[in-house]
């Protein structure tokens, strides 16, 4: 079977899995009862590690848009369009951060600056220090949890800046969100780890069945299946 066809088949299967995950709500986003976090936060970013950052990011955007449109959750406003790129940013980071540290540093640094330049952000200045976490995690990205933590925070930065400038939450709300964000992002990073190990294991099984089927990336260290 042609490698491009195998990649296409996997892309379809990955999209179906991601779509299924996107139907499971985890929590509403503070400031918008029409927006919510779903289990897609677990699957979307790891596509960057399996299919490469480019295809992984495009897949994340396409699946997120299609699922929200199908489920009637797309609001057709600026915040909804910007949120399409949050998981895409995480996918790019997940696929690149081990080799290219700037992929885990550039967005958090830009986010901190943009947050403090906003009058409300300046009042809630402590919130932006959360984005030191992905910067530190970037330097330990050889560890799967740290790579996942750096990646999920990329999505958090993009989403937070969008909400800051478009929704207008008060400063008190940003301060109150700090402990919630810490728990939330650790949960998402853990979910990404489980998803990535599971997908690596499934791919390893497929590669064992179809020798030389190098149509996606596999990290043997994160596979429960040992290919002979």
C-alpha atoms as a PDB file:
ATOM      1  CA  UNK A   1       0.000   0.000   0.000  1.00  0.00           C
ATOM      2  CA  UNK A   2       1.323   3.438  -0.951  1.00  0.00           C
ATOM      3  CA  UNK A   3       2.651   5.476   1.971  1.00  0.00           C
ATOM      4  CA  UNK A   4       0.524   8.487   1.059  1.00  0.00           C
ATOM      5  CA  UNK A   5      -2.570   6.295   1.067  1.00  0.00           C
ATOM      6  CA  UNK A   6      -1.598   4.894   4.475  1.00  0.00           C
ATOM      7  CA  UNK A   7      -1.128   8.417   5.797  1.00  0.00           C
ATOM      8  CA  UNK A   8      -4.523   9.362   4.401  1.00  0.00           C
ATOM      9  CA  UNK A   9      -6.166   6.373   6.077  1.00  0.00           C
ATOM     10  CA  UNK A  10      -4.525   7.199   9.385  1.00  0.00           C
ATOM     11  CA  UNK A  11      -5.522  10.847   9.053  1.00  0.00           C
ATOM     12  CA  UNK A  12      -9.149   9.815   8.600  1.00  0.00           C
ATOM     13  CA  UNK A  13      -9.023   7.446  11.586  1.00  0.00           C
ATOM     14  CA  UNK A  14      -7.290  10.074  13.733  1.00  0.00           C
ATOM     15  CA  UNK A  15      -9.903  12.634  12.723  1.00  0.00           C
ATOM     16  CA  UNK A  16     -12.718  10.248  13.672  1.00  0.00           C
ATOM     17  CA  UNK A  17     -11.100   9.660  17.084  1.00  0.00           C
ATOM     18  CA  UNK A  18     -10.597  13.392  17.583  1.00  0.00           C
ATOM     19  CA  UNK A  19     -14.198  14.058  16.567  1.00  0.00           C
ATOM     20  CA  UNK A  20     -15.415  11.505  19.115  1.00  0.00           C
ATOM     21  CA  UNK A  21     -13.280  13.154  21.798  1.00  0.00           C
ATOM     22  CA  UNK A  22     -14.670  16.576  20.873  1.00  0.00           C
ATOM     23  CA  UNK A  23     -18.194  15.443  21.805  1.00  0.00           C
ATOM     24  CA  UNK A  24     -17.201  14.849  25.442  1.00  0.00           C
ATOM     25  CA  UNK A  25     -17.316  18.111  27.408  1.00  0.00           C
ATOM     26  CA  UNK A  26     -14.942  18.534  30.334  1.00  0.00           C
ATOM     27  CA  UNK A  27     -15.862  22.024  31.517  1.00  0.00           C
ATOM     28  CA  UNK A  28     -17.242  25.343  30.339  1.00  0.00           C
ATOM     29  CA  UNK A  29     -14.832  28.181  29.712  1.00  0.00           C
ATOM     30  CA  UNK A  30     -15.182  31.006  32.213  1.00  0.00           C
ATOM     31  CA  UNK A  31     -16.733  34.000  30.503  1.00  0.00           C
ATOM     32  CA  UNK A  32     -18.517  32.060  27.757  1.00  0.00           C
ATOM     33  CA  UNK A  33     -21.136  29.382  28.358  1.00  0.00           C
ATOM     34  CA  UNK A  34     -21.122  28.673  24.592  1.00  0.00           C
ATOM     35  CA  UNK A  35     -17.458  27.632  24.699  1.00  0.00           C
ATOM     36  CA  UNK A  36     -16.203  24.539  26.485  1.00  0.00           C
ATOM     37  CA  UNK A  37     -13.146  22.339  26.845  1.00  0.00           C
ATOM     38  CA  UNK A  38     -13.543  18.785  25.565  1.00  0.00           C
ATOM     39  CA  UNK A  39     -11.477  15.610  25.399  1.00  0.00           C
ATOM     40  CA  UNK A  40     -10.272  16.920  22.031  1.00  0.00           C
ATOM     41  CA  UNK A  41      -7.716  18.802  24.144  1.00  0.00           C
ATOM     42  CA  UNK A  42      -6.127  15.362  24.740  1.00  0.00           C
ATOM     43  CA  UNK A  43      -6.019  14.147  21.123  1.00  0.00           C
ATOM     44  CA  UNK A  44      -5.619  17.257  18.975  1.00  0.00           C
ATOM     45  CA  UNK A  45      -2.126  18.328  20.088  1.00  0.00           C
ATOM     46  CA  UNK A  46      -0.494  14.866  19.845  1.00  0.00           C
ATOM     47  CA  UNK A  47      -1.255  14.806  16.128  1.00  0.00           C
ATOM     48  CA  UNK A  48       1.740  17.092  15.774  1.00  0.00           C
ATOM     49  CA  UNK A  49       3.966  14.367  17.154  1.00  0.00           C
ATOM     50  CA  UNK A  50       2.484  11.558  15.058  1.00  0.00           C
ATOM     51  CA  UNK A  51       1.869  13.241  11.698  1.00  0.00           C
ATOM     52  CA  UNK A  52       4.313  16.138  11.975  1.00  0.00           C
ATOM     53  CA  UNK A  53       3.575  19.700  13.124  1.00  0.00           C
ATOM     54  CA  UNK A  54       2.160  20.913   9.806  1.00  0.00           C
ATOM     55  CA  UNK A  55      -0.323  18.123   9.104  1.00  0.00           C
ATOM     56  CA  UNK A  56      -1.078  17.813  12.817  1.00  0.00           C
ATOM     57  CA  UNK A  57      -1.996  21.501  13.094  1.00  0.00           C
ATOM     58  CA  UNK A  58      -4.157  21.447   9.947  1.00  0.00           C
ATOM     59  CA  UNK A  59      -5.896  18.308  11.196  1.00  0.00           C
ATOM     60  CA  UNK A  60      -6.596  19.982  14.549  1.00  0.00           C
ATOM     61  CA  UNK A  61      -8.173  23.020  12.864  1.00  0.00           C
ATOM     62  CA  UNK A  62     -10.260  20.933  10.462  1.00  0.00           C
ATOM     63  CA  UNK A  63     -11.562  18.510  13.098  1.00  0.00           C
ATOM     64  CA  UNK A  64     -12.287  21.251  15.628  1.00  0.00           C
ATOM     65  CA  UNK A  65     -14.240  23.269  13.069  1.00  0.00           C
ATOM     66  CA  UNK A  66     -16.115  20.264  11.661  1.00  0.00           C
ATOM     67  CA  UNK A  67     -17.095  18.918  15.080  1.00  0.00           C
ATOM     68  CA  UNK A  68     -18.330  22.276  16.368  1.00  0.00           C
ATOM     69  CA  UNK A  69     -20.235  22.905  13.163  1.00  0.00           C
ATOM     70  CA  UNK A  70     -21.830  19.442  13.235  1.00  0.00           C
ATOM     71  CA  UNK A  71     -22.742  19.714  16.917  1.00  0.00           C
ATOM     72  CA  UNK A  72     -24.059  23.252  16.526  1.00  0.00           C
ATOM     73  CA  UNK A  73     -21.444  24.704  18.891  1.00  0.00           C
ATOM     74  CA  UNK A  74     -19.757  27.111  16.465  1.00  0.00           C
ATOM     75  CA  UNK A  75     -20.844  30.662  17.241  1.00  0.00           C
ATOM     76  CA  UNK A  76     -19.488  32.350  14.056  1.00  0.00           C
ATOM     77  CA  UNK A  77     -17.796  35.080  16.039  1.00  0.00           C
ATOM     78  CA  UNK A  78     -14.189  36.200  16.410  1.00  0.00           C
ATOM     79  CA  UNK A  79     -13.526  34.204  19.571  1.00  0.00           C
ATOM     80  CA  UNK A  80     -14.736  30.975  17.935  1.00  0.00           C
ATOM     81  CA  UNK A  81     -12.455  31.454  14.934  1.00  0.00           C
ATOM     82  CA  UNK A  82      -9.455  32.235  17.122  1.00  0.00           C
ATOM     83  CA  UNK A  83     -10.121  29.155  19.257  1.00  0.00           C
ATOM     84  CA  UNK A  84      -9.688  27.012  16.130  1.00  0.00           C
ATOM     85  CA  UNK A  85      -5.998  27.861  16.300  1.00  0.00           C
ATOM     86  CA  UNK A  86      -5.457  27.093  19.986  1.00  0.00           C
ATOM     87  CA  UNK A  87      -5.063  23.333  19.637  1.00  0.00           C
ATOM     88  CA  UNK A  88      -3.206  23.878  16.355  1.00  0.00           C
ATOM     89  CA  UNK A  89      -0.605  25.906  18.271  1.00  0.00           C
ATOM     90  CA  UNK A  90      -0.317  23.050  20.759  1.00  0.00           C
ATOM     91  CA  UNK A  91       0.124  20.537  17.916  1.00  0.00           C
ATOM     92  CA  UNK A  92       2.950  22.555  16.368  1.00  0.00           C
ATOM     93  CA  UNK A  93       4.687  22.774  19.725  1.00  0.00           C
ATOM     94  CA  UNK A  94       4.248  19.058  20.457  1.00  0.00           C
ATOM     95  CA  UNK A  95       5.764  18.140  17.106  1.00  0.00           C
ATOM     96  CA  UNK A  96       8.711  20.537  17.247  1.00  0.00           C
ATOM     97  CA  UNK A  97       9.648  21.458  20.798  1.00  0.00           C
ATOM     98  CA  UNK A  98      12.201  18.717  21.464  1.00  0.00           C
ATOM     99  CA  UNK A  99      14.352  19.774  18.515  1.00  0.00           C
ATOM    100  CA  UNK A 100      13.491  23.476  18.329  1.00  0.00           C
ATOM    101  CA  UNK A 101      13.089  25.166  21.692  1.00  0.00           C
ATOM    102  CA  UNK A 102      11.693  28.378  20.218  1.00  0.00           C
ATOM    103  CA  UNK A 103       8.495  26.443  19.428  1.00  0.00           C
ATOM    104  CA  UNK A 104       7.754  26.303  23.159  1.00  0.00           C
ATOM    105  CA  UNK A 105       9.036  29.760  24.070  1.00  0.00           C
ATOM    106  CA  UNK A 106       7.900  32.255  21.410  1.00  0.00           C
ATOM    107  CA  UNK A 107       4.133  32.155  22.041  1.00  0.00           C
ATOM    108  CA  UNK A 108       4.349  32.343  25.874  1.00  0.00           C
ATOM    109  CA  UNK A 109       6.745  35.304  25.710  1.00  0.00           C
ATOM    110  CA  UNK A 110       4.564  37.130  23.177  1.00  0.00           C
ATOM    111  CA  UNK A 111       1.512  36.305  25.281  1.00  0.00           C
ATOM    112  CA  UNK A 112       3.033  37.756  28.439  1.00  0.00           C
ATOM    113  CA  UNK A 113       3.848  40.993  26.635  1.00  0.00           C
ATOM    114  CA  UNK A 114       0.372  41.292  25.087  1.00  0.00           C
ATOM    115  CA  UNK A 115      -1.280  40.515  28.420  1.00  0.00           C
ATOM    116  CA  UNK A 116       0.618  43.213  30.294  1.00  0.00           C
ATOM    117  CA  UNK A 117       0.005  45.779  27.522  1.00  0.00           C
ATOM    118  CA  UNK A 118      -3.740  45.442  28.091  1.00  0.00           C
ATOM    119  CA  UNK A 119      -5.115  47.661  30.933  1.00  0.00           C
ATOM    120  CA  UNK A 120      -7.012  44.777  32.536  1.00  0.00           C
ATOM    121  CA  UNK A 121      -4.048  42.484  32.024  1.00  0.00           C
ATOM    122  CA  UNK A 122      -1.818  44.997  33.745  1.00  0.00           C
ATOM    123  CA  UNK A 123      -4.117  44.825  36.792  1.00  0.00           C
ATOM    124  CA  UNK A 124      -4.051  41.015  36.721  1.00  0.00           C
ATOM    125  CA  UNK A 125      -0.301  40.930  36.060  1.00  0.00           C
ATOM    126  CA  UNK A 126       0.266  37.722  38.035  1.00  0.00           C
ATOM    127  CA  UNK A 127      -1.810  35.644  35.607  1.00  0.00           C
ATOM    128  CA  UNK A 128       0.742  36.024  32.828  1.00  0.00           C
ATOM    129  CA  UNK A 129       3.454  34.462  35.014  1.00  0.00           C
ATOM    130  CA  UNK A 130       1.659  31.162  34.446  1.00  0.00           C
ATOM    131  CA  UNK A 131       3.297  31.200  31.027  1.00  0.00           C
ATOM    132  CA  UNK A 132       6.712  30.778  32.567  1.00  0.00           C
ATOM    133  CA  UNK A 133       5.628  27.161  33.084  1.00  0.00           C
ATOM    134  CA  UNK A 134       5.712  26.191  29.380  1.00  0.00           C
ATOM    135  CA  UNK A 135       8.997  28.038  28.948  1.00  0.00           C
ATOM    136  CA  UNK A 136      10.594  25.986  31.726  1.00  0.00           C
ATOM    137  CA  UNK A 137       8.898  22.783  30.515  1.00  0.00           C
ATOM    138  CA  UNK A 138      10.354  23.363  27.058  1.00  0.00           C
ATOM    139  CA  UNK A 139      13.861  22.738  28.360  1.00  0.00           C
ATOM    140  CA  UNK A 140      12.753  19.342  29.692  1.00  0.00           C
ATOM    141  CA  UNK A 141      10.761  18.367  26.602  1.00  0.00           C
ATOM    142  CA  UNK A 142      12.521  15.015  26.324  1.00  0.00           C
ATOM    143  CA  UNK A 143      10.080  14.014  29.081  1.00  0.00           C
ATOM    144  CA  UNK A 144       6.626  13.297  27.641  1.00  0.00           C
ATOM    145  CA  UNK A 145       4.678  15.023  30.414  1.00  0.00           C
ATOM    146  CA  UNK A 146       6.827  18.164  30.140  1.00  0.00           C
ATOM    147  CA  UNK A 147       6.419  18.213  26.357  1.00  0.00           C
ATOM    148  CA  UNK A 148       2.669  17.831  26.809  1.00  0.00           C
ATOM    149  CA  UNK A 149       2.613  20.579  29.449  1.00  0.00           C
ATOM    150  CA  UNK A 150       4.548  22.966  27.195  1.00  0.00           C
ATOM    151  CA  UNK A 151       2.176  22.164  24.339  1.00  0.00           C
ATOM    152  CA  UNK A 152      -1.131  22.536  26.179  1.00  0.00           C
ATOM    153  CA  UNK A 153      -0.004  25.900  27.502  1.00  0.00           C
ATOM    154  CA  UNK A 154       0.473  27.151  23.926  1.00  0.00           C
ATOM    155  CA  UNK A 155      -3.258  26.676  23.451  1.00  0.00           C
ATOM    156  CA  UNK A 156      -3.875  28.379  26.791  1.00  0.00           C
ATOM    157  CA  UNK A 157      -1.852  31.452  25.834  1.00  0.00           C
ATOM    158  CA  UNK A 158      -3.650  31.927  22.509  1.00  0.00           C
ATOM    159  CA  UNK A 159      -7.066  31.418  24.098  1.00  0.00           C
ATOM    160  CA  UNK A 160      -6.360  33.699  27.055  1.00  0.00           C
ATOM    161  CA  UNK A 161      -5.166  36.583  24.891  1.00  0.00           C
ATOM    162  CA  UNK A 162      -8.241  36.228  22.692  1.00  0.00           C
ATOM    163  CA  UNK A 163     -10.534  36.348  25.736  1.00  0.00           C
ATOM    164  CA  UNK A 164      -8.623  39.258  27.241  1.00  0.00           C
ATOM    165  CA  UNK A 165      -9.031  41.464  24.189  1.00  0.00           C
ATOM    166  CA  UNK A 166     -12.426  40.267  22.930  1.00  0.00           C
ATOM    167  CA  UNK A 167     -14.447  39.188  25.990  1.00  0.00           C
ATOM    168  CA  UNK A 168     -13.196  41.645  28.600  1.00  0.00           C
ATOM    169  CA  UNK A 169     -13.126  39.637  31.819  1.00  0.00           C
ATOM    170  CA  UNK A 170     -12.432  41.804  34.896  1.00  0.00           C
ATOM    171  CA  UNK A 171      -9.038  41.637  36.580  1.00  0.00           C
ATOM    172  CA  UNK A 172     -10.479  39.848  39.612  1.00  0.00           C
ATOM    173  CA  UNK A 173     -11.639  36.994  37.382  1.00  0.00           C
ATOM    174  CA  UNK A 174      -8.144  36.512  35.955  1.00  0.00           C
ATOM    175  CA  UNK A 175      -6.630  36.335  39.446  1.00  0.00           C
ATOM    176  CA  UNK A 176      -9.273  33.810  40.514  1.00  0.00           C
ATOM    177  CA  UNK A 177      -8.536  31.619  37.479  1.00  0.00           C
ATOM    178  CA  UNK A 178      -4.879  30.977  38.363  1.00  0.00           C
ATOM    179  CA  UNK A 179      -5.357  27.839  40.530  1.00  0.00           C
ATOM    180  CA  UNK A 180      -7.982  26.508  38.100  1.00  0.00           C
ATOM    181  CA  UNK A 181      -5.580  26.882  35.179  1.00  0.00           C
ATOM    182  CA  UNK A 182      -2.860  24.954  37.013  1.00  0.00           C
ATOM    183  CA  UNK A 183      -5.183  21.990  37.628  1.00  0.00           C
ATOM    184  CA  UNK A 184      -6.727  22.187  34.177  1.00  0.00           C
ATOM    185  CA  UNK A 185      -3.434  22.224  32.254  1.00  0.00           C
ATOM    186  CA  UNK A 186      -1.962  19.390  34.320  1.00  0.00           C
ATOM    187  CA  UNK A 187      -5.110  17.389  33.521  1.00  0.00           C
ATOM    188  CA  UNK A 188      -4.806  18.146  29.812  1.00  0.00           C
ATOM    189  CA  UNK A 189      -1.089  17.269  29.794  1.00  0.00           C
ATOM    190  CA  UNK A 190      -1.835  13.962  31.532  1.00  0.00           C
ATOM    191  CA  UNK A 191      -4.589  13.196  29.028  1.00  0.00           C
ATOM    192  CA  UNK A 192      -2.213  13.950  26.172  1.00  0.00           C
ATOM    193  CA  UNK A 193       0.347  11.534  27.619  1.00  0.00           C
ATOM    194  CA  UNK A 194      -2.196   8.711  27.834  1.00  0.00           C
ATOM    195  CA  UNK A 195      -3.480   9.418  24.314  1.00  0.00           C
ATOM    196  CA  UNK A 196       0.013   9.593  22.833  1.00  0.00           C
ATOM    197  CA  UNK A 197       1.156   6.329  24.427  1.00  0.00           C
ATOM    198  CA  UNK A 198      -2.053   4.630  23.274  1.00  0.00           C
ATOM    199  CA  UNK A 199      -1.696   5.854  19.685  1.00  0.00           C
ATOM    200  CA  UNK A 200       2.010   4.968  19.575  1.00  0.00           C
ATOM    201  CA  UNK A 201       1.143   1.457  20.737  1.00  0.00           C
ATOM    202  CA  UNK A 202      -1.583   1.055  18.102  1.00  0.00           C
ATOM    203  CA  UNK A 203       0.715   2.329  15.358  1.00  0.00           C
ATOM    204  CA  UNK A 204       3.473  -0.029  16.497  1.00  0.00           C
ATOM    205  CA  UNK A 205       1.046  -2.949  16.149  1.00  0.00           C
ATOM    206  CA  UNK A 206       0.143  -1.808  12.633  1.00  0.00           C
ATOM    207  CA  UNK A 207       3.795  -1.467  11.679  1.00  0.00           C
ATOM    208  CA  UNK A 208       4.496  -4.934  12.976  1.00  0.00           C
ATOM    209  CA  UNK A 209       1.686  -6.265  10.796  1.00  0.00           C
ATOM    210  CA  UNK A 210       2.706  -4.221   7.746  1.00  0.00           C
ATOM    211  CA  UNK A 211       6.492  -4.185   7.818  1.00  0.00           C
ATOM    212  CA  UNK A 212       8.074  -0.918   6.779  1.00  0.00           C
ATOM    213  CA  UNK A 213       4.865   1.079   6.998  1.00  0.00           C
ATOM    214  CA  UNK A 214       6.634   4.255   8.029  1.00  0.00           C
ATOM    215  CA  UNK A 215       3.747   6.529   7.153  1.00  0.00           C
ATOM    216  CA  UNK A 216       3.581   8.256  10.534  1.00  0.00           C
ATOM    217  CA  UNK A 217       6.014   9.005  13.320  1.00  0.00           C
ATOM    218  CA  UNK A 218       6.397   6.486  16.110  1.00  0.00           C
ATOM    219  CA  UNK A 219       8.383   6.907  19.297  1.00  0.00           C
ATOM    220  CA  UNK A 220       9.270   3.402  20.554  1.00  0.00           C
ATOM    221  CA  UNK A 221       9.951   4.784  24.038  1.00  0.00           C
ATOM    222  CA  UNK A 222       6.263   5.654  24.338  1.00  0.00           C
ATOM    223  CA  UNK A 223       4.845   2.451  22.927  1.00  0.00           C
ATOM    224  CA  UNK A 224       3.579  -0.453  25.006  1.00  0.00           C
ATOM    225  CA  UNK A 225       4.244  -2.698  22.023  1.00  0.00           C
ATOM    226  CA  UNK A 226       7.783  -3.727  21.185  1.00  0.00           C
ATOM    227  CA  UNK A 227       8.204  -4.227  17.457  1.00  0.00           C
ATOM    228  CA  UNK A 228      10.604  -7.030  16.590  1.00  0.00           C
END
